[in-house]
Amino acid sequence: MKRVVNTKMKQMDLKYGNNNQAIAKELIEDWLDVPLKEYKDKWSTFDFYNNSLKILVELKSRRNDSKKYETQLIGKNKWDKARLKLKEGYKVYFFYLLTDGLWCYEVNANHEFQTSLLGNYARNDKTSELVLIPSIYLQKTIPKQLQEETGIKKVEPYIMKWT
């Protein structure tokens, strides 16, 4: 039986991610304390970069909170490319914009995670190999202004809301 992709839902998801990218870029720059440039090629492995400081960033926007799943997903292609870039001296970050805030995983060459063939079943997408990053490895980001106002560095959540 031929698979029929729900293109309307896929377009909505792409628009959702693109809209969040502009918002999240500022938050990520604030968190990392570095200016970032956005890759213009939609087929780029990563979303943002700073070549002079050797930083690469991938952003994933999700419509769930950090407690819904025990893992966060990233494409195996992105994981493999990130690990290659580590060998070149880059720092690579995967950010997850979830309903309860912006979360960060800094890619670590010593981490080995499980992989699985998964797809977006609601959209009826084809499956692809994904790396399952345990959510316990994610750090919640807090904007610097809020850190200064409250004296909080890593504990309290920063909740981004959108409709």
N, C-alpha and C. Protein backbone atom coordinates (compact mmCIF):
# COMPACT_ATOMS: atom_id res chain seq x y z
N MET A 1 0.84 -1.18 0.00
CA MET A 1 0.00 0.00 0.00
C MET A 1 0.89 1.25 0.00
N LYS A 2 0.56 2.18 -0.84
CA LYS A 2 1.35 3.40 -0.98
C LYS A 2 1.08 4.34 0.20
N ARG A 3 2.16 4.89 0.74
CA ARG A 3 2.08 5.82 1.85
C ARG A 3 1.72 7.20 1.32
N VAL A 4 0.74 7.87 1.95
CA VAL A 4 0.34 9.21 1.55
C VAL A 4 0.69 10.16 2.69
N VAL A 5 1.62 11.07 2.41
CA VAL A 5 2.07 12.03 3.42
C VAL A 5 1.02 13.12 3.58
N ASN A 6 0.74 13.48 4.81
CA ASN A 6 -0.18 14.57 5.11
C ASN A 6 0.57 15.89 4.88
N THR A 7 0.51 16.39 3.66
CA THR A 7 1.29 17.57 3.29
C THR A 7 0.82 18.83 4.01
N LYS A 8 -0.46 18.92 4.31
CA LYS A 8 -0.96 20.10 5.03
C LYS A 8 -0.31 20.15 6.43
N MET A 9 -0.28 19.03 7.11
CA MET A 9 0.33 18.99 8.44
C MET A 9 1.83 19.25 8.35
N LYS A 10 2.48 18.71 7.32
CA LYS A 10 3.91 18.92 7.15
C LYS A 10 4.21 20.40 6.94
N GLN A 11 3.40 21.08 6.12
CA GLN A 11 3.59 22.51 5.89
C GLN A 11 3.37 23.32 7.17
N MET A 12 2.37 22.93 7.97
CA MET A 12 2.12 23.60 9.24
C MET A 12 3.31 23.42 10.18
N ASP A 13 3.87 22.22 10.21
CA ASP A 13 5.03 21.95 11.06
C ASP A 13 6.25 22.75 10.61
N LEU A 14 6.46 22.86 9.30
CA LEU A 14 7.58 23.64 8.78
C LEU A 14 7.42 25.12 9.13
N LYS A 15 6.21 25.64 8.99
CA LYS A 15 5.95 27.03 9.32
C LYS A 15 6.16 27.26 10.82
N TYR A 16 5.71 26.34 11.63
CA TYR A 16 5.89 26.41 13.08
C TYR A 16 7.38 26.48 13.43
N GLY A 17 8.17 25.61 12.84
CA GLY A 17 9.60 25.60 13.08
C GLY A 17 10.29 26.86 12.60
N ASN A 18 9.91 27.33 11.41
CA ASN A 18 10.52 28.55 10.86
C ASN A 18 10.19 29.77 11.71
N ASN A 19 8.96 29.87 12.17
CA ASN A 19 8.56 31.00 13.02
C ASN A 19 9.34 30.97 14.34
N ASN A 20 9.51 29.81 14.90
CA ASN A 20 10.22 29.69 16.17
C ASN A 20 11.71 29.95 16.01
N GLN A 21 12.24 29.71 14.83
CA GLN A 21 13.67 29.87 14.61
C GLN A 21 14.12 31.31 14.87
N ALA A 22 13.34 32.27 14.43
CA ALA A 22 13.70 33.68 14.64
C ALA A 22 13.67 34.03 16.13
N ILE A 23 12.66 33.55 16.84
CA ILE A 23 12.54 33.80 18.27
C ILE A 23 13.68 33.13 19.02
N ALA A 24 13.90 31.88 18.71
CA ALA A 24 14.89 31.10 19.45
C ALA A 24 16.31 31.57 19.19
N LYS A 25 16.59 32.08 18.00
CA LYS A 25 17.95 32.53 17.69
C LYS A 25 18.44 33.54 18.72
N GLU A 26 17.61 34.51 19.05
CA GLU A 26 17.99 35.51 20.05
C GLU A 26 18.23 34.88 21.41
N LEU A 27 17.38 33.96 21.80
CA LEU A 27 17.54 33.29 23.09
C LEU A 27 18.81 32.45 23.13
N ILE A 28 19.10 31.79 22.02
CA ILE A 28 20.31 30.96 21.94
C ILE A 28 21.55 31.85 21.99
N GLU A 29 21.53 32.94 21.24
CA GLU A 29 22.66 33.88 21.26
C GLU A 29 22.89 34.40 22.68
N ASP A 30 21.80 34.70 23.37
CA ASP A 30 21.89 35.19 24.74
C ASP A 30 22.48 34.12 25.66
N TRP A 31 22.02 32.90 25.51
CA TRP A 31 22.47 31.80 26.35
C TRP A 31 23.95 31.47 26.12
N LEU A 32 24.34 31.40 24.85
CA LEU A 32 25.72 31.08 24.52
C LEU A 32 26.64 32.31 24.64
N ASP A 33 26.04 33.48 24.65
CA ASP A 33 26.76 34.75 24.71
C ASP A 33 27.67 34.92 23.49
N VAL A 34 27.14 34.57 22.32
CA VAL A 34 27.86 34.74 21.05
C VAL A 34 26.86 35.11 19.95
N PRO A 35 27.31 35.91 18.98
CA PRO A 35 26.45 36.17 17.82
C PRO A 35 26.47 34.96 16.89
N LEU A 36 25.32 34.68 16.30
CA LEU A 36 25.21 33.55 15.38
C LEU A 36 24.69 34.02 14.04
N LYS A 37 25.09 33.33 13.00
CA LYS A 37 24.54 33.55 11.66
C LYS A 37 23.67 32.35 11.33
N GLU A 38 22.66 32.62 10.50
CA GLU A 38 21.75 31.56 10.11
C GLU A 38 22.14 31.01 8.75
N TYR A 39 22.20 29.69 8.63
CA TYR A 39 22.42 29.09 7.31
C TYR A 39 21.21 29.39 6.45
N LYS A 40 21.45 29.80 5.24
CA LYS A 40 20.35 30.15 4.33
C LYS A 40 19.88 28.95 3.51
N ASP A 41 20.76 27.99 3.32
CA ASP A 41 20.42 26.79 2.55
C ASP A 41 19.55 25.88 3.42
N LYS A 42 18.32 25.62 2.96
CA LYS A 42 17.40 24.82 3.78
C LYS A 42 17.88 23.37 3.94
N TRP A 43 18.87 22.95 3.17
CA TRP A 43 19.39 21.59 3.29
C TRP A 43 20.64 21.52 4.19
N SER A 44 20.99 22.63 4.82
CA SER A 44 22.15 22.63 5.73
C SER A 44 21.89 21.69 6.90
N THR A 45 22.96 21.07 7.37
CA THR A 45 22.84 20.14 8.49
C THR A 45 22.43 20.87 9.76
N PHE A 46 22.93 22.09 9.95
CA PHE A 46 22.66 22.85 11.16
C PHE A 46 21.92 24.15 10.80
N ASP A 47 21.35 24.81 11.82
CA ASP A 47 20.59 26.03 11.60
C ASP A 47 21.43 27.30 11.74
N PHE A 48 22.34 27.31 12.74
CA PHE A 48 23.12 28.50 13.04
C PHE A 48 24.59 28.16 13.20
N TYR A 49 25.43 29.20 13.03
CA TYR A 49 26.87 28.98 13.16
C TYR A 49 27.59 30.25 13.55
N ASN A 50 28.77 30.08 14.09
CA ASN A 50 29.74 31.15 14.28
C ASN A 50 31.09 30.51 13.99
N ASN A 51 31.57 30.67 12.77
CA ASN A 51 32.80 29.99 12.35
C ASN A 51 34.04 30.50 13.07
N SER A 52 34.06 31.79 13.40
CA SER A 52 35.25 32.31 14.08
C SER A 52 35.40 31.72 15.48
N LEU A 53 34.27 31.43 16.14
CA LEU A 53 34.32 30.80 17.47
C LEU A 53 34.11 29.29 17.41
N LYS A 54 33.93 28.77 16.19
CA LYS A 54 33.73 27.34 15.96
C LYS A 54 32.54 26.79 16.77
N ILE A 55 31.38 27.37 16.48
CA ILE A 55 30.15 26.95 17.15
C ILE A 55 29.10 26.62 16.09
N LEU A 56 28.42 25.49 16.27
CA LEU A 56 27.32 25.07 15.41
C LEU A 56 26.10 24.79 16.28
N VAL A 57 24.93 25.15 15.77
CA VAL A 57 23.69 24.99 16.53
C VAL A 57 22.60 24.40 15.63
N GLU A 58 21.90 23.42 16.16
CA GLU A 58 20.70 22.89 15.52
C GLU A 58 19.54 23.13 16.48
N LEU A 59 18.43 23.60 15.94
CA LEU A 59 17.24 23.88 16.74
C LEU A 59 16.10 22.96 16.31
N LYS A 60 15.45 22.37 17.29
CA LYS A 60 14.25 21.58 17.04
C LYS A 60 13.11 22.19 17.84
N SER A 61 11.99 22.46 17.18
CA SER A 61 10.80 22.99 17.85
C SER A 61 9.78 21.87 17.96
N ARG A 62 9.26 21.71 19.16
CA ARG A 62 8.29 20.64 19.42
C ARG A 62 7.07 21.19 20.13
N ARG A 63 5.95 20.53 19.95
CA ARG A 63 4.71 20.94 20.59
C ARG A 63 4.43 20.15 21.87
N ASN A 64 5.47 19.74 22.54
CA ASN A 64 5.30 19.01 23.80
C ASN A 64 6.26 19.58 24.84
N ASP A 65 6.03 19.21 26.10
CA ASP A 65 6.94 19.69 27.14
C ASP A 65 8.07 18.68 27.35
N SER A 66 9.00 19.05 28.19
CA SER A 66 10.21 18.23 28.39
C SER A 66 9.94 16.93 29.13
N LYS A 67 8.79 16.82 29.76
CA LYS A 67 8.49 15.62 30.55
C LYS A 67 7.68 14.58 29.77
N LYS A 68 7.20 14.94 28.59
CA LYS A 68 6.33 14.02 27.84
C LYS A 68 7.08 12.75 27.39
N TYR A 69 8.34 12.92 26.97
CA TYR A 69 9.12 11.78 26.49
C TYR A 69 10.43 11.69 27.28
N GLU A 70 10.94 10.49 27.40
CA GLU A 70 12.21 10.30 28.12
C GLU A 70 13.41 10.68 27.27
N THR A 71 13.20 10.83 25.98
CA THR A 71 14.30 11.19 25.07
C THR A 71 13.86 12.30 24.14
N GLN A 72 14.86 13.00 23.59
CA GLN A 72 14.62 13.96 22.52
C GLN A 72 15.32 13.41 21.28
N LEU A 73 14.74 13.67 20.12
CA LEU A 73 15.23 13.06 18.88
C LEU A 73 16.08 14.03 18.08
N ILE A 74 17.07 13.47 17.43
CA ILE A 74 17.87 14.23 16.45
C ILE A 74 18.25 13.25 15.34
N GLY A 75 18.26 13.72 14.12
CA GLY A 75 18.62 12.87 13.00
C GLY A 75 20.03 12.30 13.15
N LYS A 76 20.20 11.05 12.80
CA LYS A 76 21.51 10.40 12.88
C LYS A 76 22.52 11.14 12.02
N ASN A 77 22.07 11.70 10.90
CA ASN A 77 22.97 12.47 10.03
C ASN A 77 23.52 13.70 10.77
N LYS A 78 22.68 14.35 11.55
CA LYS A 78 23.11 15.53 12.31
C LYS A 78 24.05 15.11 13.44
N TRP A 79 23.74 14.01 14.08
CA TRP A 79 24.59 13.49 15.15
C TRP A 79 25.98 13.15 14.61
N ASP A 80 26.02 12.44 13.50
CA ASP A 80 27.30 12.04 12.92
C ASP A 80 28.12 13.26 12.48
N LYS A 81 27.46 14.23 11.86
CA LYS A 81 28.16 15.44 11.41
C LYS A 81 28.67 16.24 12.63
N ALA A 82 27.88 16.29 13.68
CA ALA A 82 28.29 17.00 14.90
C ALA A 82 29.55 16.38 15.48
N ARG A 83 29.60 15.07 15.51
CA ARG A 83 30.76 14.39 16.08
C ARG A 83 32.01 14.60 15.21
N LEU A 84 31.83 14.68 13.92
CA LEU A 84 32.96 15.01 13.04
C LEU A 84 33.45 16.42 13.30
N LYS A 85 32.53 17.34 13.49
CA LYS A 85 32.90 18.73 13.75
C LYS A 85 33.60 18.89 15.10
N LEU A 86 33.26 18.05 16.07
CA LEU A 86 33.97 18.09 17.35
C LEU A 86 35.46 17.82 17.15
N LYS A 87 35.77 16.90 16.26
CA LYS A 87 37.16 16.57 15.97
C LYS A 87 37.90 17.73 15.32
N GLU A 88 37.16 18.64 14.71
CA GLU A 88 37.75 19.84 14.08
C GLU A 88 37.81 21.01 15.06
N GLY A 89 37.44 20.76 16.31
CA GLY A 89 37.52 21.80 17.33
C GLY A 89 36.25 22.60 17.55
N TYR A 90 35.17 22.22 16.89
CA TYR A 90 33.90 22.92 17.06
C TYR A 90 33.20 22.49 18.36
N LYS A 91 32.35 23.38 18.87
CA LYS A 91 31.37 23.04 19.89
C LYS A 91 30.05 22.97 19.14
N VAL A 92 29.29 21.92 19.41
CA VAL A 92 28.02 21.73 18.72
C VAL A 92 26.91 21.58 19.75
N TYR A 93 25.83 22.32 19.50
CA TYR A 93 24.70 22.32 20.43
C TYR A 93 23.42 21.93 19.70
N PHE A 94 22.60 21.11 20.35
CA PHE A 94 21.24 20.84 19.89
C PHE A 94 20.31 21.52 20.88
N PHE A 95 19.50 22.45 20.38
CA PHE A 95 18.51 23.13 21.22
C PHE A 95 17.13 22.60 20.88
N TYR A 96 16.32 22.46 21.92
CA TYR A 96 14.94 21.99 21.78
C TYR A 96 14.02 23.06 22.36
N LEU A 97 13.23 23.68 21.50
CA LEU A 97 12.25 24.66 21.94
C LEU A 97 10.96 23.89 22.21
N LEU A 98 10.68 23.68 23.48
CA LEU A 98 9.52 22.91 23.91
C LEU A 98 8.51 23.83 24.58
N THR A 99 7.36 23.33 24.91
CA THR A 99 6.32 24.18 25.49
C THR A 99 6.69 24.67 26.89
N ASP A 100 7.67 24.06 27.53
CA ASP A 100 8.09 24.52 28.86
C ASP A 100 9.48 25.16 28.83
N GLY A 101 9.91 25.62 27.68
CA GLY A 101 11.15 26.38 27.61
C GLY A 101 12.10 25.91 26.53
N LEU A 102 13.25 26.52 26.56
CA LEU A 102 14.33 26.22 25.61
C LEU A 102 15.37 25.37 26.33
N TRP A 103 15.66 24.20 25.78
CA TRP A 103 16.55 23.23 26.40
C TRP A 103 17.77 23.02 25.50
N CYS A 104 18.91 22.74 26.11
CA CYS A 104 20.15 22.62 25.36
C CYS A 104 20.88 21.32 25.69
N TYR A 105 21.40 20.69 24.64
CA TYR A 105 22.32 19.56 24.80
C TYR A 105 23.60 19.93 24.07
N GLU A 106 24.72 19.94 24.79
CA GLU A 106 26.01 20.16 24.14
C GLU A 106 26.56 18.79 23.75
N VAL A 107 26.81 18.60 22.47
CA VAL A 107 27.27 17.32 21.96
C VAL A 107 28.60 16.96 22.61
N ASN A 108 28.67 15.74 23.08
CA ASN A 108 29.84 15.24 23.81
C ASN A 108 30.35 13.99 23.09
N ALA A 109 31.62 13.98 22.72
CA ALA A 109 32.19 12.85 21.97
C ALA A 109 32.14 11.55 22.76
N ASN A 110 32.04 11.63 24.07
CA ASN A 110 32.01 10.43 24.91
C ASN A 110 30.62 9.84 25.07
N HIS A 111 29.60 10.54 24.62
CA HIS A 111 28.23 10.05 24.76
C HIS A 111 27.87 9.12 23.60
N GLU A 112 27.33 8.00 23.93
CA GLU A 112 26.80 7.05 22.94
C GLU A 112 25.33 6.82 23.29
N PHE A 113 24.45 7.11 22.35
CA PHE A 113 23.03 6.96 22.60
C PHE A 113 22.41 5.95 21.64
N GLN A 114 21.29 5.44 22.04
CA GLN A 114 20.53 4.48 21.25
C GLN A 114 19.99 5.16 20.00
N THR A 115 19.84 4.40 18.94
CA THR A 115 19.21 4.91 17.72
C THR A 115 17.97 4.08 17.43
N SER A 116 17.09 4.63 16.61
CA SER A 116 15.87 3.93 16.26
C SER A 116 15.37 4.46 14.92
N LEU A 117 14.67 3.61 14.19
CA LEU A 117 14.00 4.04 12.96
C LEU A 117 12.62 4.54 13.35
N LEU A 118 12.41 5.84 13.19
CA LEU A 118 11.14 6.45 13.57
C LEU A 118 10.71 7.43 12.49
N GLY A 119 9.45 7.78 12.51
CA GLY A 119 8.91 8.79 11.60
C GLY A 119 7.81 9.55 12.30
N ASN A 120 7.37 10.62 11.70
CA ASN A 120 6.26 11.39 12.23
C ASN A 120 5.00 10.68 11.75
N TYR A 121 4.44 9.87 12.63
CA TYR A 121 3.31 9.03 12.23
C TYR A 121 2.04 9.85 11.99
N ALA A 122 1.90 10.98 12.68
CA ALA A 122 0.73 11.83 12.45
C ALA A 122 0.73 12.37 11.02
N ARG A 123 1.93 12.62 10.47
CA ARG A 123 2.04 13.11 9.09
C ARG A 123 2.19 11.98 8.09
N ASN A 124 2.39 10.77 8.59
CA ASN A 124 2.62 9.60 7.75
C ASN A 124 3.94 9.71 6.97
N ASP A 125 4.92 10.36 7.61
CA ASP A 125 6.25 10.50 7.00
C ASP A 125 6.96 9.16 6.95
N LYS A 126 7.95 9.08 6.07
CA LYS A 126 8.80 7.89 6.04
C LYS A 126 9.69 7.89 7.29
N THR A 127 10.14 6.71 7.64
CA THR A 127 11.00 6.60 8.82
C THR A 127 12.43 6.98 8.45
N SER A 128 13.16 7.42 9.47
CA SER A 128 14.58 7.70 9.30
C SER A 128 15.28 7.33 10.60
N GLU A 129 16.60 7.14 10.51
CA GLU A 129 17.34 6.76 11.70
C GLU A 129 17.56 7.99 12.57
N LEU A 130 17.15 7.88 13.81
CA LEU A 130 17.24 8.99 14.76
C LEU A 130 18.04 8.57 15.99
N VAL A 131 18.72 9.53 16.59
CA VAL A 131 19.44 9.32 17.85
C VAL A 131 18.49 9.77 18.96
N LEU A 132 18.40 8.95 20.00
CA LEU A 132 17.53 9.23 21.14
C LEU A 132 18.38 9.78 22.28
N ILE A 133 18.33 11.08 22.49
CA ILE A 133 19.11 11.72 23.53
C ILE A 133 18.27 11.74 24.81
N PRO A 134 18.72 11.07 25.87
CA PRO A 134 17.94 11.08 27.11
C PRO A 134 17.75 12.52 27.61
N SER A 135 16.53 12.84 27.97
CA SER A 135 16.19 14.20 28.40
C SER A 135 16.99 14.65 29.63
N ILE A 136 17.51 13.70 30.39
CA ILE A 136 18.31 14.07 31.57
C ILE A 136 19.61 14.77 31.16
N TYR A 137 20.01 14.67 29.90
CA TYR A 137 21.22 15.33 29.41
C TYR A 137 20.95 16.77 28.96
N LEU A 138 19.70 17.17 28.92
CA LEU A 138 19.36 18.52 28.49
C LEU A 138 19.41 19.49 29.65
N GLN A 139 19.88 20.68 29.36
CA GLN A 139 19.95 21.74 30.36
C GLN A 139 18.96 22.83 29.96
N LYS A 140 18.17 23.27 30.92
CA LYS A 140 17.22 24.34 30.64
C LYS A 140 17.95 25.67 30.58
N THR A 141 17.67 26.45 29.55
CA THR A 141 18.32 27.74 29.41
C THR A 141 17.52 28.81 30.13
N ILE A 142 18.23 29.78 30.64
CA ILE A 142 17.60 30.91 31.32
C ILE A 142 18.25 32.18 30.76
N PRO A 143 17.44 33.11 30.24
CA PRO A 143 18.02 34.34 29.68
C PRO A 143 18.89 35.08 30.71
N LYS A 144 19.94 35.68 30.23
CA LYS A 144 20.90 36.36 31.11
C LYS A 144 20.23 37.45 31.95
N GLN A 145 19.29 38.19 31.36
CA GLN A 145 18.62 39.25 32.12
C GLN A 145 17.87 38.65 33.31
N LEU A 146 17.18 37.54 33.09
CA LEU A 146 16.47 36.89 34.19
C LEU A 146 17.46 36.35 35.22
N GLN A 147 18.60 35.84 34.76
CA GLN A 147 19.63 35.38 35.70
C GLN A 147 20.09 36.53 36.60
N GLU A 148 20.32 37.69 35.98
CA GLU A 148 20.80 38.85 36.74
C GLU A 148 19.74 39.37 37.70
N GLU A 149 18.49 39.40 37.25
CA GLU A 149 17.41 39.93 38.08
C GLU A 149 17.13 39.03 39.28
N THR A 150 17.25 37.74 39.09
CA THR A 150 16.85 36.80 40.13
C THR A 150 18.01 36.12 40.84
N GLY A 151 19.21 36.21 40.24
CA GLY A 151 20.36 35.50 40.82
C GLY A 151 20.33 34.01 40.52
N ILE A 152 19.42 33.59 39.66
CA ILE A 152 19.28 32.17 39.31
C ILE A 152 20.15 31.87 38.10
N LYS A 153 20.88 30.76 38.15
CA LYS A 153 21.74 30.38 37.03
C LYS A 153 21.18 29.21 36.23
N LYS A 154 20.73 28.14 36.90
CA LYS A 154 20.35 26.96 36.14
C LYS A 154 19.12 26.24 36.68
N VAL A 155 18.51 26.74 37.72
CA VAL A 155 17.49 25.95 38.38
C VAL A 155 16.07 26.28 37.92
N GLU A 156 15.72 27.55 37.97
CA GLU A 156 14.35 27.93 37.66
C GLU A 156 14.07 27.90 36.17
N PRO A 157 12.89 27.48 35.78
CA PRO A 157 12.58 27.42 34.36
C PRO A 157 12.23 28.78 33.75
N TYR A 158 12.59 28.93 32.52
CA TYR A 158 12.13 30.05 31.72
C TYR A 158 11.12 29.47 30.77
N ILE A 159 9.90 29.96 30.83
CA ILE A 159 8.83 29.37 30.02
C ILE A 159 8.50 30.31 28.87
N MET A 160 8.66 29.80 27.68
CA MET A 160 8.29 30.56 26.49
C MET A 160 6.87 30.13 26.12
N LYS A 161 6.02 31.09 25.91
CA LYS A 161 4.65 30.78 25.54
C LYS A 161 4.37 31.30 24.14
N TRP A 162 3.62 30.55 23.40
CA TRP A 162 3.17 31.00 22.09
C TRP A 162 1.86 30.32 21.79
N THR A 163 1.13 30.85 20.83
CA THR A 163 -0.17 30.28 20.49
C THR A 163 -0.10 29.58 19.17
